[in-house]
């Protein structure tokens, strides 16, 4: 019988896993408070039927890049 690691299958083309709020906090190295501020500022969330929030990392990075481009430089 194959082990659990051997049973892993790749995601179908175009399907992207969504990150939880805790995972996105860890990815950016920020607190939950900072994530909530970014959401208020327009960082995209994905529709999710369960509890909590879900985020598409590619869309979040895109949003951060746009915010960086809009930020005034000193």
N, C-alpha and C. Protein backbone atom coordinates (compact mmCIF):
# COMPACT_ATOMS: atom_id res chain seq x y z
N UNK A 1 0.85 -1.18 0.00
CA UNK A 1 0.00 0.00 0.00
C UNK A 1 0.89 1.25 0.00
N UNK A 2 0.59 2.23 -0.86
CA UNK A 2 1.42 3.44 -0.91
C UNK A 2 1.29 4.26 0.38
N UNK A 3 2.35 4.96 0.70
CA UNK A 3 2.32 5.84 1.87
C UNK A 3 1.52 7.09 1.54
N UNK A 4 1.20 7.86 2.56
CA UNK A 4 0.43 9.08 2.35
C UNK A 4 1.16 10.05 1.42
N UNK A 5 2.47 10.18 1.59
CA UNK A 5 3.25 11.08 0.74
C UNK A 5 3.19 10.66 -0.73
N UNK A 6 3.11 9.38 -0.98
CA UNK A 6 3.05 8.88 -2.35
C UNK A 6 1.67 9.08 -2.97
N UNK A 7 0.66 9.30 -2.15
CA UNK A 7 -0.71 9.48 -2.65
C UNK A 7 -1.02 10.92 -3.03
N UNK A 8 -0.09 11.84 -2.79
CA UNK A 8 -0.34 13.24 -3.13
C UNK A 8 -0.49 13.39 -4.64
N UNK A 9 -1.46 14.19 -5.04
CA UNK A 9 -1.65 14.45 -6.45
C UNK A 9 -1.59 15.95 -6.67
N UNK A 10 -1.09 16.39 -7.80
CA UNK A 10 -1.02 17.82 -8.08
C UNK A 10 -2.42 18.40 -8.28
N UNK A 11 -2.54 19.69 -8.02
CA UNK A 11 -3.81 20.37 -8.24
C UNK A 11 -4.09 20.50 -9.73
N UNK A 12 -5.33 20.45 -10.14
CA UNK A 12 -5.65 20.66 -11.55
C UNK A 12 -5.20 22.04 -12.00
N UNK A 13 -4.92 22.19 -13.28
CA UNK A 13 -4.46 23.46 -13.84
C UNK A 13 -5.46 24.57 -13.52
N UNK A 14 -4.95 25.70 -13.07
CA UNK A 14 -5.78 26.84 -12.77
C UNK A 14 -6.35 26.87 -11.37
N UNK A 15 -6.20 25.79 -10.62
CA UNK A 15 -6.73 25.74 -9.26
C UNK A 15 -5.63 26.17 -8.29
N UNK A 16 -5.92 27.19 -7.49
CA UNK A 16 -4.93 27.75 -6.57
C UNK A 16 -5.42 27.55 -5.14
N UNK A 17 -4.56 27.02 -4.26
CA UNK A 17 -5.00 26.86 -2.86
C UNK A 17 -5.12 28.23 -2.19
N UNK A 18 -6.12 28.37 -1.35
CA UNK A 18 -6.33 29.62 -0.63
C UNK A 18 -5.66 29.53 0.73
N UNK A 19 -5.09 30.65 1.18
CA UNK A 19 -4.43 30.69 2.48
C UNK A 19 -5.40 31.20 3.54
N UNK A 20 -5.26 30.68 4.75
CA UNK A 20 -6.04 31.19 5.88
C UNK A 20 -5.42 32.50 6.33
N UNK A 21 -6.11 33.20 7.22
CA UNK A 21 -5.55 34.45 7.73
C UNK A 21 -4.25 34.18 8.48
N UNK A 22 -4.20 33.12 9.25
CA UNK A 22 -2.99 32.78 10.00
C UNK A 22 -1.82 32.52 9.05
N UNK A 23 -2.08 31.84 7.95
CA UNK A 23 -1.03 31.55 6.97
C UNK A 23 -0.53 32.82 6.30
N UNK A 24 -1.44 33.74 5.98
CA UNK A 24 -1.03 34.98 5.33
C UNK A 24 -0.26 35.86 6.32
N UNK A 25 -0.64 35.83 7.60
CA UNK A 25 0.11 36.54 8.63
C UNK A 25 1.54 36.02 8.70
N UNK A 26 1.69 34.71 8.67
CA UNK A 26 3.01 34.09 8.74
C UNK A 26 3.81 34.42 7.48
N UNK A 27 3.18 34.38 6.33
CA UNK A 27 3.88 34.66 5.07
C UNK A 27 4.47 36.07 5.08
N UNK A 28 3.69 37.05 5.51
CA UNK A 28 4.16 38.44 5.53
C UNK A 28 4.87 38.81 6.83
N UNK A 29 4.79 37.95 7.84
CA UNK A 29 5.45 38.23 9.11
C UNK A 29 4.83 39.40 9.86
N UNK A 30 3.50 39.48 9.83
CA UNK A 30 2.77 40.57 10.48
C UNK A 30 1.71 40.00 11.42
N UNK A 31 1.10 40.89 12.20
CA UNK A 31 0.07 40.47 13.16
C UNK A 31 -1.30 40.44 12.50
N UNK A 32 -2.26 39.89 13.22
CA UNK A 32 -3.65 39.88 12.73
C UNK A 32 -4.17 41.30 12.58
N UNK A 33 -3.73 42.19 13.45
CA UNK A 33 -4.15 43.59 13.38
C UNK A 33 -3.73 44.21 12.04
N UNK A 34 -2.50 43.92 11.60
CA UNK A 34 -2.02 44.46 10.33
C UNK A 34 -2.83 43.91 9.16
N UNK A 35 -3.14 42.63 9.20
CA UNK A 35 -3.95 42.03 8.13
C UNK A 35 -5.31 42.71 8.06
N UNK A 36 -5.93 42.95 9.21
CA UNK A 36 -7.24 43.63 9.23
C UNK A 36 -7.13 45.03 8.66
N UNK A 37 -6.05 45.73 8.93
CA UNK A 37 -5.85 47.07 8.36
C UNK A 37 -5.72 46.98 6.85
N UNK A 38 -4.98 45.98 6.35
CA UNK A 38 -4.83 45.81 4.91
C UNK A 38 -6.17 45.48 4.26
N UNK A 39 -6.98 44.67 4.92
CA UNK A 39 -8.30 44.34 4.38
C UNK A 39 -9.15 45.61 4.29
N UNK A 40 -9.11 46.44 5.33
CA UNK A 40 -9.84 47.71 5.30
C UNK A 40 -9.35 48.61 4.18
N UNK A 41 -8.05 48.51 3.85
CA UNK A 41 -7.47 49.33 2.79
C UNK A 41 -7.73 48.75 1.40
N UNK A 42 -8.30 47.53 1.34
CA UNK A 42 -8.67 46.97 0.05
C UNK A 42 -7.97 45.69 -0.36
N UNK A 43 -7.17 45.09 0.52
CA UNK A 43 -6.53 43.83 0.16
C UNK A 43 -7.62 42.79 -0.11
N UNK A 44 -7.53 42.08 -1.24
CA UNK A 44 -8.63 41.18 -1.62
C UNK A 44 -8.72 39.92 -0.77
N UNK A 45 -9.96 39.59 -0.43
CA UNK A 45 -10.29 38.33 0.23
C UNK A 45 -11.05 37.49 -0.78
N UNK A 46 -11.01 36.21 -0.61
CA UNK A 46 -11.74 35.31 -1.50
C UNK A 46 -13.03 34.86 -0.83
N UNK A 47 -14.10 34.70 -1.60
CA UNK A 47 -15.34 34.17 -1.03
C UNK A 47 -15.09 32.76 -0.49
N UNK A 48 -15.61 32.51 0.69
CA UNK A 48 -15.38 31.22 1.33
C UNK A 48 -16.60 30.88 2.17
N UNK A 49 -17.12 29.68 2.01
CA UNK A 49 -18.35 29.29 2.69
C UNK A 49 -18.12 28.92 4.16
N UNK A 50 -16.89 28.58 4.52
CA UNK A 50 -16.60 28.17 5.89
C UNK A 50 -16.32 29.35 6.80
N UNK A 51 -15.79 29.03 7.97
CA UNK A 51 -15.44 30.07 8.93
C UNK A 51 -14.09 30.69 8.57
N UNK A 52 -13.91 31.93 8.96
CA UNK A 52 -12.63 32.60 8.74
C UNK A 52 -12.52 33.20 7.36
N UNK A 53 -11.38 33.79 7.11
CA UNK A 53 -11.12 34.42 5.82
C UNK A 53 -10.16 33.55 5.03
N UNK A 54 -10.21 33.70 3.69
CA UNK A 54 -9.27 33.01 2.82
C UNK A 54 -8.70 34.02 1.83
N UNK A 55 -7.44 33.80 1.45
CA UNK A 55 -6.73 34.74 0.59
C UNK A 55 -6.02 33.99 -0.52
N UNK A 56 -6.06 34.58 -1.72
CA UNK A 56 -5.30 34.09 -2.85
C UNK A 56 -3.97 34.85 -2.82
N UNK A 57 -2.88 34.14 -2.61
CA UNK A 57 -1.58 34.79 -2.43
C UNK A 57 -1.19 35.64 -3.63
N UNK A 58 -1.45 35.17 -4.84
CA UNK A 58 -1.09 35.93 -6.03
C UNK A 58 -1.84 37.26 -6.07
N UNK A 59 -3.13 37.25 -5.73
CA UNK A 59 -3.91 38.50 -5.74
C UNK A 59 -3.44 39.44 -4.64
N UNK A 60 -3.06 38.90 -3.48
CA UNK A 60 -2.55 39.73 -2.38
C UNK A 60 -1.22 40.37 -2.77
N UNK A 61 -0.33 39.61 -3.39
CA UNK A 61 0.95 40.16 -3.82
C UNK A 61 0.76 41.24 -4.88
N UNK A 62 -0.20 41.01 -5.77
CA UNK A 62 -0.53 42.01 -6.79
C UNK A 62 -1.02 43.31 -6.12
N UNK A 63 -1.87 43.17 -5.12
CA UNK A 63 -2.39 44.33 -4.40
C UNK A 63 -1.25 45.08 -3.70
N UNK A 64 -0.34 44.34 -3.07
CA UNK A 64 0.79 44.97 -2.38
C UNK A 64 1.69 45.70 -3.37
N UNK A 65 1.89 45.13 -4.55
CA UNK A 65 2.71 45.79 -5.57
C UNK A 65 2.08 47.11 -6.01
N UNK A 66 0.76 47.11 -6.20
CA UNK A 66 0.06 48.34 -6.58
C UNK A 66 0.17 49.39 -5.46
N UNK A 67 0.05 48.94 -4.21
CA UNK A 67 0.15 49.87 -3.09
C UNK A 67 1.55 50.47 -3.01
N UNK A 68 2.57 49.66 -3.28
CA UNK A 68 3.95 50.16 -3.25
C UNK A 68 4.18 51.18 -4.35
N UNK A 69 3.56 50.94 -5.52
CA UNK A 69 3.71 51.87 -6.65
C UNK A 69 3.00 53.20 -6.37
N UNK A 70 1.92 53.15 -5.59
CA UNK A 70 1.17 54.37 -5.27
C UNK A 70 1.77 55.16 -4.11
N UNK A 71 2.61 54.50 -3.32
CA UNK A 71 3.17 55.14 -2.13
C UNK A 71 4.09 56.28 -2.54
N UNK A 72 3.96 57.42 -1.86
CA UNK A 72 4.86 58.54 -2.17
C UNK A 72 6.29 58.22 -1.73
N UNK A 73 7.23 58.65 -2.52
CA UNK A 73 8.64 58.43 -2.16
C UNK A 73 9.19 59.72 -1.56
N UNK A 74 10.06 59.57 -0.58
CA UNK A 74 10.61 60.74 0.11
C UNK A 74 11.84 61.26 -0.58
